[in-house]
Protein backbone atom coordinates (compact mmCIF):
# COMPACT_ATOMS: atom_id res chain seq x y z
CA MET A 1 23.64 3.82 -10.05
CA THR A 2 20.48 5.51 -8.77
CA THR A 3 20.74 7.13 -5.34
CA ARG A 4 18.25 5.73 -2.87
CA THR A 5 16.16 8.18 -0.85
CA HIS A 6 16.68 7.97 2.89
CA CYS A 7 13.41 7.12 4.60
CA ILE A 8 12.09 6.92 8.15
CA ILE A 9 8.85 5.10 8.99
CA PHE A 10 6.82 6.82 11.70
CA ASP A 11 4.21 5.11 13.88
CA ASP A 12 2.26 8.10 15.13
CA GLY A 13 0.38 5.98 17.69
CA LEU A 14 -2.94 7.40 16.56
CA GLY A 15 -6.09 5.49 15.82
CA THR A 16 -7.30 2.58 17.96
CA LEU A 17 -5.38 -0.41 16.63
CA ALA A 18 -5.08 -2.73 19.62
CA PRO A 19 -4.70 -5.69 19.64
CA LEU A 20 -2.69 -5.42 16.40
CA THR A 21 -0.17 -3.02 17.97
CA ASP A 22 0.01 -4.43 21.50
CA LEU A 23 3.28 -6.25 20.80
CA ARG A 24 4.53 -4.56 17.63
CA ALA A 25 4.66 -1.13 16.06
CA ALA A 26 2.25 -0.36 13.23
CA MET A 27 4.88 -0.91 10.52
CA ASP A 28 5.37 -4.51 11.76
CA ILE A 29 1.74 -5.55 11.25
CA ARG A 30 1.49 -8.18 8.51
CA THR A 31 -0.85 -6.18 6.31
CA GLY A 32 -0.41 -8.52 3.32
CA VAL A 33 2.09 -11.20 2.47
CA LEU A 34 4.62 -8.72 3.88
CA THR A 35 4.55 -6.42 6.84
CA THR A 36 4.30 -2.72 6.03
CA PHE A 37 7.99 -2.33 6.95
CA GLU A 38 8.98 -5.16 4.61
CA ARG A 39 6.88 -3.70 1.80
CA ILE A 40 8.47 -0.24 2.08
CA ASN A 41 11.96 -1.66 2.61
CA ALA A 42 11.60 -3.77 -0.56
CA ASP A 43 11.22 -0.66 -2.74
CA ALA A 44 14.53 -0.16 -4.54
CA ARG A 45 14.11 3.62 -4.50
CA LEU A 46 14.20 3.80 -0.69
CA ALA A 47 16.74 3.14 2.06
CA VAL A 48 15.01 2.81 5.43
CA VAL A 49 17.41 4.43 7.91
CA GLY A 50 15.20 4.71 10.99
CA LEU A 51 11.93 4.00 12.73
CA ILE A 52 9.95 6.22 15.08
CA VAL A 53 7.54 4.39 17.38
CA PRO A 54 5.65 5.00 20.64
CA GLU A 55 8.08 4.66 23.54
CA PRO A 56 6.38 1.58 25.08
CA LEU A 57 7.21 -0.30 21.84
CA ALA A 58 10.71 1.11 21.34
CA GLU A 59 12.70 -1.72 22.93
CA LEU A 60 10.70 -4.43 21.16
CA THR A 61 11.23 -2.59 17.87
CA ARG A 62 14.98 -2.38 18.48
CA GLU A 63 15.04 -6.14 18.95
CA ARG A 64 13.33 -6.68 15.58
CA HIS A 65 15.25 -4.20 13.43
CA ARG A 66 18.82 -3.18 12.78
CA VAL A 67 18.03 0.43 11.91
CA GLN A 68 17.98 3.26 14.42
CA VAL A 69 14.81 3.55 16.52
CA ASN A 70 13.54 6.92 17.79
CA PRO A 71 16.43 9.12 16.62
CA ASP A 72 16.63 12.59 18.19
CA SER A 73 16.77 14.28 14.80
CA VAL A 74 16.82 13.42 11.11
CA THR A 75 18.84 14.65 8.16
CA PRO A 76 17.03 17.35 6.16
CA GLY A 77 15.65 15.89 2.98
CA THR A 78 14.71 12.58 4.60
CA LEU A 79 11.35 11.15 3.57
CA VAL A 80 9.12 10.29 6.56
CA LEU A 81 6.27 7.84 5.93
CA ASN A 82 3.25 7.11 8.11
CA ALA A 83 3.41 3.50 9.37
CA ARG A 84 -0.39 3.36 9.46
CA SER A 85 -0.51 3.59 5.67
CA PRO A 86 0.00 -0.01 4.49
CA LEU A 87 0.32 1.07 0.85
CA PRO A 88 1.84 4.55 0.97
CA PRO A 89 1.68 6.52 -2.30
CA LEU A 90 5.44 6.35 -2.89
CA ASP A 91 5.39 7.89 -6.36
CA ALA A 92 3.78 11.04 -4.97
CA ALA A 93 5.85 10.98 -1.79
CA LEU A 94 9.14 10.85 -3.70
CA GLN A 95 8.10 13.99 -5.59
CA LEU A 96 7.86 16.02 -2.39
CA ALA A 97 10.28 18.89 -1.97
CA PRO A 98 11.83 19.62 1.46
CA GLY A 99 9.20 21.27 3.62
CA GLU A 100 6.23 19.58 1.89
CA ARG A 101 3.87 16.84 3.07
CA LEU A 102 1.05 14.69 1.72
CA VAL A 103 -2.20 14.95 3.64
CA THR A 104 -5.38 12.92 3.20
CA THR A 105 -8.77 14.54 2.83
CA ASP A 106 -9.32 13.60 6.50
CA GLY A 107 -6.27 15.60 7.56
CA VAL A 108 -3.90 12.66 8.19
CA THR A 109 -0.29 13.27 7.19
CA ILE A 110 0.86 10.35 5.05
CA ALA A 111 4.37 11.51 4.17
CA CYS A 112 6.64 14.50 4.48
CA ARG A 113 10.03 15.54 3.17
CA THR A 114 11.95 17.11 6.02
CA GLY A 115 13.28 20.61 5.55
CA SER A 116 15.14 20.73 8.87
CA PRO A 117 16.38 18.35 11.60
CA ASP A 118 13.08 18.99 13.41
CA TRP A 119 11.09 16.36 11.53
CA HIS A 120 8.17 16.66 13.98
CA ALA A 121 7.58 20.31 13.07
CA ASP A 122 7.65 19.42 9.39
CA TRP A 123 5.25 16.51 9.94
CA HIS A 124 2.63 18.88 11.38
CA GLY A 125 3.50 22.20 9.78
CA ALA A 126 5.05 21.68 6.37
CA ARG A 127 3.15 22.85 3.32
CA ALA A 128 0.28 20.42 2.82
CA ILE A 129 -0.50 18.78 -0.51
CA SER A 130 -3.82 16.95 -0.57
CA ILE A 131 -4.02 13.36 -1.74
CA GLU A 132 -7.03 11.07 -2.13
CA ASN A 133 -7.71 7.34 -1.92
CA VAL A 134 -4.96 6.41 0.54
CA ALA A 135 -5.73 3.59 2.96
CA ILE A 136 -4.96 4.31 6.61
CA LEU A 137 -5.24 1.94 9.57
CA ASP A 138 -7.46 3.56 12.17
CA ARG A 139 -9.35 0.60 13.68
CA PRO A 140 -8.40 -3.10 14.01
CA TRP A 141 -10.70 -4.15 11.15
CA ASP A 142 -8.99 -1.78 8.72
CA VAL A 143 -6.40 -4.52 8.15
CA ARG A 144 -9.25 -6.42 6.49
CA ARG A 145 -10.23 -3.38 4.43
CA SER A 146 -6.73 -3.00 2.89
CA ARG A 147 -6.06 -6.76 2.70
CA ASP A 148 -6.68 -7.47 -0.98
CA ALA A 149 -4.68 -4.55 -2.35
CA CYS A 150 -1.72 -5.32 -0.07
CA ILE A 151 -1.68 -9.03 -0.89
CA ASP A 152 -1.97 -8.40 -4.61
CA THR A 153 0.86 -5.85 -4.50
CA ASP A 154 3.13 -8.17 -2.51
CA LEU A 155 2.55 -11.15 -4.77
CA VAL A 156 3.46 -9.08 -7.82
CA HIS A 157 6.74 -8.26 -6.08
CA LEU A 158 7.37 -11.84 -4.94
CA CYS A 159 6.18 -13.72 -8.02
CA GLY A 160 7.02 -11.25 -10.77
CA GLY A 161 4.98 -9.65 -13.52
CA ARG A 162 2.17 -7.15 -13.19
CA ALA A 163 -1.15 -7.61 -11.44
CA GLY A 164 -3.58 -9.43 -13.72
CA GLN A 165 -0.94 -10.00 -16.40
CA MET A 166 1.06 -13.02 -15.19
CA THR A 167 0.88 -15.35 -18.14
CA HIS A 168 3.28 -18.15 -17.19
CA ALA A 169 2.24 -20.68 -14.60
CA PHE A 170 5.86 -21.45 -13.71
CA PRO A 171 8.29 -18.70 -14.77
CA PRO A 172 11.72 -20.33 -15.20
CA THR A 173 13.30 -18.45 -12.31
CA LEU A 174 10.55 -19.42 -9.88
CA ALA A 175 9.41 -23.04 -10.20
CA PRO A 176 10.95 -24.79 -13.18
CA ASN A 177 9.74 -28.23 -12.13
CA LEU A 178 6.29 -28.95 -10.76
CA PRO A 179 6.62 -31.44 -7.88
CA PRO A 180 5.41 -34.93 -8.87
CA GLY A 181 1.71 -35.54 -8.41
CA VAL A 182 0.84 -31.87 -7.87
CA ILE A 183 -2.03 -30.47 -9.93
CA GLN A 184 -1.67 -26.85 -11.04
CA PHE A 185 -3.88 -24.79 -13.31
CA GLY A 186 -4.34 -21.13 -14.11
CA PRO A 187 -2.29 -18.42 -15.84
CA HIS A 188 -0.81 -16.74 -12.78
CA ALA A 189 2.60 -17.44 -11.34
CA VAL A 190 3.32 -20.05 -8.69
CA ARG A 191 6.52 -19.55 -6.71
CA ILE A 192 7.88 -22.41 -4.62
CA ASP A 193 10.95 -21.34 -2.66
CA ALA A 194 13.99 -23.38 -1.72
CA GLY A 195 13.44 -26.18 0.74
CA ALA A 196 9.65 -26.12 0.44
CA ARG A 197 7.86 -29.47 0.09
CA VAL A 198 4.62 -29.75 -1.85
CA TYR A 199 3.23 -33.27 -1.64
CA PRO A 200 1.35 -35.30 -4.29
CA ALA A 201 -2.40 -34.65 -4.62
CA VAL A 202 -2.00 -30.97 -3.75
CA VAL A 203 -4.04 -28.67 -6.02
CA LEU A 204 -2.64 -25.21 -6.84
CA ASP A 205 -5.39 -23.06 -8.40
CA SER A 206 -3.79 -19.93 -9.85
CA GLU A 207 -6.69 -18.99 -12.12
CA ASN A 208 -7.37 -15.73 -10.28
CA GLY A 209 -4.04 -14.90 -8.70
CA PRO A 210 -0.52 -16.04 -7.89
CA ILE A 211 0.54 -18.46 -5.16
CA HIS A 212 3.71 -18.12 -3.10
CA ILE A 213 5.03 -21.01 -0.98
CA GLY A 214 7.90 -19.81 1.19
CA VAL A 215 11.26 -21.25 2.21
CA ASN A 216 10.97 -24.59 4.03
CA ALA A 217 7.17 -24.48 3.98
CA VAL A 218 5.24 -27.76 3.74
CA VAL A 219 1.95 -28.35 1.92
CA ARG A 220 0.59 -31.77 2.84
CA PRO A 221 -1.35 -34.17 0.54
CA GLY A 222 -4.88 -33.31 -0.51
CA SER A 223 -4.62 -29.60 0.26
CA VAL A 224 -6.11 -27.02 -2.11
CA LEU A 225 -4.53 -23.58 -2.41
CA ILE A 226 -6.49 -20.92 -4.31
CA GLY A 227 -4.60 -17.83 -5.41
CA PRO A 228 -3.94 -15.14 -4.63
CA CYS A 229 -2.49 -16.62 -1.44
CA ALA A 230 0.80 -17.24 0.33
CA VAL A 231 2.26 -19.74 2.78
CA GLY A 232 5.05 -18.25 4.87
CA PRO A 233 8.51 -19.67 5.57
CA GLY A 234 8.51 -22.74 7.77
CA SER A 235 4.72 -23.02 7.86
CA THR A 236 2.77 -26.23 7.33
CA VAL A 237 -0.54 -26.58 5.53
CA LEU A 238 -1.93 -29.84 6.87
CA ASP A 239 -3.66 -32.64 4.96
CA HIS A 240 -6.89 -31.75 3.09
CA ALA A 241 -6.80 -28.08 4.06
CA LEU A 242 -8.65 -25.56 1.90
CA ILE A 243 -6.72 -22.28 1.65
CA LYS A 244 -8.95 -19.81 -0.17
CA ALA A 245 -8.14 -16.58 -1.98
CA HIS A 246 -6.51 -13.61 -0.26
CA THR A 247 -5.18 -15.71 2.58
CA VAL A 248 -1.69 -15.21 4.02
CA ILE A 249 -0.21 -17.70 6.45
CA GLY A 250 2.73 -16.05 8.17
CA PRO A 251 5.95 -17.78 9.16
CA SER A 252 6.07 -20.90 11.35
CA CYS A 253 2.34 -21.64 11.46
CA LYS A 254 0.32 -24.86 11.25
CA VAL A 255 -2.99 -24.57 9.44
CA ALA A 256 -5.79 -27.03 8.63
CA GLY A 257 -9.48 -26.88 7.75
CA GLU A 258 -11.01 -24.06 5.73
CA VAL A 259 -9.25 -20.69 5.79
CA GLY A 260 -10.26 -17.82 3.53
CA GLY A 261 -9.43 -14.14 3.30
CA THR A 262 -7.36 -14.30 6.47
CA ILE A 263 -3.96 -12.92 7.46
CA ILE A 264 -1.99 -14.75 10.16
CA GLN A 265 0.85 -12.70 11.60
CA GLY A 266 2.95 -15.79 12.37
CA PHE A 267 3.77 -18.52 14.92
CA SER A 268 0.10 -19.49 15.30
CA ASN A 269 -1.77 -22.78 15.00
CA LYS A 270 -5.10 -23.71 13.51
CA ALA A 271 -4.22 -27.36 13.19
CA HIS A 272 -7.72 -28.88 13.01
CA ASP A 273 -10.95 -28.64 11.04
CA GLY A 274 -13.10 -25.54 11.35
CA HIS A 275 -13.82 -22.40 9.33
CA LEU A 276 -11.78 -19.20 9.63
CA GLY A 277 -12.79 -16.40 7.29
CA ASP A 278 -12.02 -12.72 6.68
CA SER A 279 -10.02 -12.52 9.88
CA TYR A 280 -6.68 -11.48 11.31
CA LEU A 281 -4.70 -13.61 13.77
CA GLY A 282 -1.74 -12.35 15.74
CA GLU A 283 1.19 -14.43 16.93
CA TRP A 284 1.09 -17.41 19.29
CA VAL A 285 -2.64 -17.97 18.75
CA ASN A 286 -3.94 -21.52 19.12
CA LEU A 287 -7.42 -22.37 17.87
CA GLY A 288 -8.79 -25.61 19.32
CA ALA A 289 -10.27 -28.34 17.15
CA GLY A 290 -13.52 -27.30 15.53
CA THR A 291 -13.13 -23.59 16.31
CA THR A 292 -15.24 -21.77 13.72
CA ASN A 293 -16.00 -18.14 13.05
CA SER A 294 -18.76 -16.29 11.23
CA ASN A 295 -17.72 -13.74 8.62
CA LEU A 296 -21.16 -12.74 7.30
CA LEU A 297 -24.34 -11.71 9.07
CA ASN A 298 -27.50 -13.64 8.23
CA THR A 299 -28.98 -10.31 7.12
CA TYR A 300 -26.07 -9.66 4.72
CA ALA A 301 -25.76 -6.26 6.40
CA GLU A 302 -22.71 -4.14 7.13
CA VAL A 303 -20.89 -5.40 10.22
CA ILE A 304 -21.05 -3.20 13.31
CA ALA A 305 -18.13 -3.65 15.72
CA LYS A 306 -16.38 -2.21 18.76
CA ALA A 307 -12.65 -1.54 18.83
CA THR A 308 -12.42 -1.72 22.62
CA PRO A 309 -14.46 -3.38 25.39
CA GLY A 310 -17.12 -0.97 26.53
CA GLY A 311 -16.48 1.26 23.51
CA SER A 312 -19.04 2.56 21.08
CA ASN A 313 -20.48 0.54 18.23
CA GLU A 314 -19.02 1.65 14.93
CA ARG A 315 -19.91 1.09 11.31
CA THR A 316 -17.07 -0.82 9.67
CA GLY A 317 -18.20 -0.36 6.08
CA ILE A 318 -17.46 -4.07 5.60
CA GLN A 319 -19.92 -6.85 4.79
CA PHE A 320 -17.52 -9.79 5.12
CA LEU A 321 -15.69 -9.41 8.43
CA GLY A 322 -14.68 -12.26 10.69
CA ALA A 323 -12.62 -11.90 13.85
CA ILE A 324 -9.64 -9.82 14.88
CA ILE A 325 -7.71 -12.09 17.25
CA GLY A 326 -4.81 -10.72 19.27
CA ASP A 327 -1.53 -12.36 20.20
CA HIS A 328 -1.53 -15.34 22.61
CA VAL A 329 -5.30 -15.92 22.35
CA LYS A 330 -6.35 -19.55 22.90
CA THR A 331 -9.69 -21.23 22.16
CA ALA A 332 -11.04 -24.57 23.36
CA ILE A 333 -12.55 -27.21 21.08
CA CYS A 334 -15.69 -26.24 19.15
CA THR A 335 -15.45 -22.56 20.06
CA ARG A 336 -17.74 -20.34 17.99
CA ILE A 337 -16.65 -16.76 17.26
CA MET A 338 -19.27 -14.34 15.99
CA THR A 339 -19.08 -11.85 13.15
CA GLY A 340 -16.90 -8.81 13.80
CA ALA A 341 -15.53 -10.05 17.14
CA VAL A 342 -12.35 -8.41 18.47
CA LEU A 343 -10.45 -10.63 20.89
CA HIS A 344 -7.76 -8.67 22.67
CA THR A 345 -4.35 -10.01 23.64
CA GLY A 346 -3.95 -12.97 25.97
CA GLY A 347 -7.55 -14.21 26.14
CA MET A 348 -8.46 -17.84 26.83
CA PHE A 349 -11.93 -18.97 25.72
CA ALA A 350 -13.40 -22.25 26.95
CA GLN A 351 -17.13 -21.51 26.99
CA THR A 352 -20.09 -23.20 25.37
CA ALA A 353 -21.69 -19.88 24.40
CA PRO A 354 -20.35 -18.11 21.31
CA VAL A 355 -17.63 -15.48 21.73
CA ILE A 356 -19.41 -12.25 20.90
CA GLY A 357 -18.30 -8.66 20.54
CA THR A 358 -15.07 -7.30 21.97
CA THR A 359 -13.25 -9.01 24.81
CA PRO A 360 -10.69 -7.50 27.20
CA ARG A 361 -7.02 -8.39 27.37
CA PHE A 362 -6.19 -11.48 29.42
CA ALA A 363 -9.81 -12.60 29.70
CA TRP A 364 -10.20 -16.14 31.10
CA ALA A 365 -13.67 -17.00 29.82
CA THR A 366 -15.57 -20.15 30.85
CA ASP A 367 -19.21 -20.97 31.53
CA ALA A 368 -18.60 -19.70 35.06
CA GLY A 369 -17.93 -16.22 33.68
CA VAL A 370 -14.94 -14.06 32.80
CA LYS A 371 -12.07 -13.55 35.20
CA PRO A 372 -8.50 -12.31 34.80
CA PHE A 373 -5.90 -14.67 33.37
CA ARG A 374 -3.26 -14.52 36.09
CA LEU A 375 -0.03 -13.07 34.74
CA ASP A 376 2.22 -15.78 36.20
CA LYS A 377 0.06 -18.54 34.69
CA PHE A 378 -0.20 -16.68 31.40
CA MET A 379 3.60 -16.33 31.20
CA ASP A 380 4.01 -20.05 31.88
CA VAL A 381 1.75 -20.81 28.90
CA ALA A 382 3.50 -18.22 26.71
CA ARG A 383 6.92 -19.66 27.49
CA ALA A 384 5.70 -23.18 26.75
CA ALA A 385 4.20 -22.14 23.41
CA MET A 386 7.28 -20.19 22.34
CA LYS A 387 9.62 -22.99 23.39
CA ARG A 388 7.90 -25.26 20.85
CA ARG A 389 9.29 -22.92 18.15
CA GLY A 390 12.71 -22.70 19.79
CA LEU A 391 12.05 -19.20 21.14
CA SER A 392 11.58 -17.57 24.52
CA PRO A 393 10.29 -14.18 25.67
CA THR A 394 12.98 -11.53 25.95
CA ASP A 395 13.09 -9.17 28.92
CA ALA A 396 11.53 -6.42 26.79
CA TYR A 397 8.79 -8.77 25.60
CA GLY A 398 8.00 -9.89 29.16
CA LYS A 399 7.90 -6.29 30.38
CA ARG A 400 5.52 -5.32 27.62
CA LEU A 401 3.19 -8.21 28.52
CA HIS A 402 3.36 -7.14 32.17
CA ASP A 403 2.43 -3.58 31.21
CA LEU A 404 -0.43 -4.78 29.02
CA HIS A 405 -1.73 -6.94 31.87
CA HIS A 406 -2.00 -3.81 34.00
CA SER A 407 -3.51 -1.66 31.23
CA PRO A 408 -7.04 -0.23 30.97
CA LEU A 409 -8.07 -2.84 28.38
CA SER A 410 -7.16 -5.73 30.66
CA ALA A 411 -9.71 -7.97 32.36
CA ALA A 412 -7.45 -7.86 35.43
CA VAL A 413 -7.96 -4.09 35.68
CA GLU A 414 -11.63 -4.17 34.75
CA ARG A 415 -12.37 -6.58 37.59
CA GLY A 416 -9.94 -4.97 39.99
């Protein structure tokens, strides 16, 4: 039996990743079908024994994981991986000797093998070995940049085979019987997990990539799913939806309309018509009927965006970029969201003008202007939304929302 290498995943807190990391550590971002933690933890060569996260996220992380969070020291020989690397180079990392680290050409440590209990000293001072072509999350839109590679990697793991070489539409261990009335074509695998219901007149197009439909998921009649894509456990794809390639619907979501190239963290609703493309949605988002976003400039130019309200414009290096939408954001009917918009946590948008640029946390935006979303009212809405999924905010979750409401990115502070 092969010995598994002990591993710790380290969120160094660097970069500007809000709103993705407002309510979760970097390793818990759904960077593909899986979160980065799930992807690393699924590797049979590794045993994740701990997580290191910024202290404001420590209690929330302890609630999500059974491994130790923020240990005082680590066992020499432990492999430490950067949580901001959604696809860490594990083959190279596992070759590291104690006291060595992998460093990108930009000077970011990706992995280190500890030579002493003082992992922090090793992370910064161990002998550096340069490595190229490693994705790192530094801005919110970088989740879009690494999307395709992460989704493709995860679907190989979930559906079997090797990327581009899945030759059986329904491998015997995955989906031995196509549900009645479902149309499927293409050479790539389709995996339908236990308890999932795929209704007649659904089209599963696996010509260009696999499709994964999770436990207890529902795909309603007339929907079209184009691989590579995935529908998470307990999620519902509503009637006549078009789910385009490189889309991941996280757990317990309801989705309708046209969705393409989008990752939804989970527990969010887009239950009506409208286009959503090349975007990321956090948890507990609700997009009103007809909400539509732009993912391409009329000039076909590179998208310029801001990571924070009042921040500097930055080149994203991306031509197709929709919206980055933080947790608990709500939009009214027929809301339009412009290319490259970043909507920070807790915003409510009920305005006739398009949502443009980068919005602060807890922005209550109407035609009368933008004002703070009162924390007590916000919490009432959050509790109501979570109750619909049989959940409620924990004390740690409520405290984190309170702290975010009083943070520099909050509309409440900006107007205070």
